[in-house]
Amino acid sequence: MNTEKEKAEKLRQIEELLNTYGGTLEIAPYVLRYLSPDELDSIIISLLEQQSNVIEANHEWLQQFKKVKK
């Protein structure tokens, strides 16, 4: 995959991750000029880690109600 196509795909993945919980955020394509594929990968990894943390926090929060209901 050529670098520009690869970067555009990574940018699309970042937009999807940012819009996971609603919204329609779009990142301007000119940003690709300033970020390397490795930097885009780092952003994707960071967003996935944040998403995982939110899921874990939500799970723990929901477990409180499960314990109260018993």
Protein backbone atom coordinates (compact mmCIF):
# COMPACT_ATOMS: atom_id res chain seq x y z
CA MET A 1 0.00 0.00 0.00
CA ASN A 2 1.45 3.40 -0.85
CA THR A 3 2.14 5.78 1.97
CA GLU A 4 -0.59 8.29 1.14
CA LYS A 5 -3.26 5.59 0.84
CA GLU A 6 -2.00 4.00 4.04
CA LYS A 7 -2.12 7.33 5.86
CA ALA A 8 -5.62 8.07 4.54
CA GLU A 9 -6.85 4.67 5.79
CA LYS A 10 -5.31 5.29 9.20
CA LEU A 11 -6.96 8.71 9.33
CA ARG A 12 -10.31 7.04 8.55
CA GLN A 13 -9.72 4.58 11.41
CA ILE A 14 -8.97 7.46 13.78
CA GLU A 15 -12.18 9.22 12.75
CA GLU A 16 -14.16 6.02 13.38
CA LEU A 17 -12.64 5.62 16.83
CA LEU A 18 -13.33 9.26 17.71
CA ASN A 19 -16.93 8.90 16.55
CA THR A 20 -17.56 5.63 18.38
CA TYR A 21 -19.82 7.25 20.96
CA GLY A 22 -21.70 9.52 18.57
CA GLY A 23 -20.84 12.58 16.60
CA THR A 24 -19.52 13.19 13.14
CA LEU A 25 -15.99 14.42 13.60
CA GLU A 26 -13.96 14.69 10.44
CA ILE A 27 -10.25 15.39 10.40
CA ALA A 28 -9.01 17.66 7.63
CA PRO A 29 -7.02 15.66 5.07
CA TYR A 30 -4.17 18.18 5.10
CA VAL A 31 -3.21 16.76 8.51
CA LEU A 32 -1.74 13.80 6.62
CA ARG A 33 1.07 16.03 5.38
CA TYR A 34 2.30 16.49 8.93
CA LEU A 35 1.93 13.00 10.39
CA SER A 36 3.87 9.86 9.57
CA PRO A 37 2.28 6.41 9.41
CA ASP A 38 3.97 5.61 12.74
CA GLU A 39 2.48 8.70 14.38
CA LEU A 40 -0.95 7.77 13.07
CA ASP A 41 -0.48 4.24 14.44
CA SER A 42 0.41 5.74 17.80
CA ILE A 43 -2.80 7.79 17.78
CA ILE A 44 -4.85 4.71 16.91
CA ILE A 45 -3.25 2.70 19.72
CA SER A 46 -3.87 5.51 22.19
CA LEU A 47 -7.54 5.76 21.18
CA LEU A 48 -7.98 1.99 21.47
CA GLU A 49 -6.42 2.06 24.95
CA GLN A 50 -8.73 4.88 25.99
CA GLN A 51 -11.71 3.00 24.62
CA SER A 52 -10.66 -0.08 26.57
CA ASN A 53 -10.36 1.99 29.76
CA VAL A 54 -13.87 3.39 29.25
CA ILE A 55 -15.29 -0.09 28.71
CA GLU A 56 -13.58 -1.35 31.87
CA ALA A 57 -14.80 1.64 33.91
CA ASN A 58 -18.34 1.14 32.61
CA HIS A 59 -18.18 -2.56 33.46
CA GLU A 60 -17.05 -1.81 37.02
CA TRP A 61 -19.77 0.82 37.39
CA LEU A 62 -22.45 -1.60 36.16
CA GLN A 63 -21.21 -4.31 38.52
CA GLN A 64 -22.15 -2.05 41.45
CA PHE A 65 -25.78 -2.30 40.45
CA LYS A 66 -25.57 -6.04 40.05
CA LYS A 67 -24.28 -6.37 43.61
CA VAL A 68 -27.02 -4.09 44.99
CA LYS A 69 -29.78 -6.01 43.22
CA LYS A 70 -28.83 -9.37 44.80
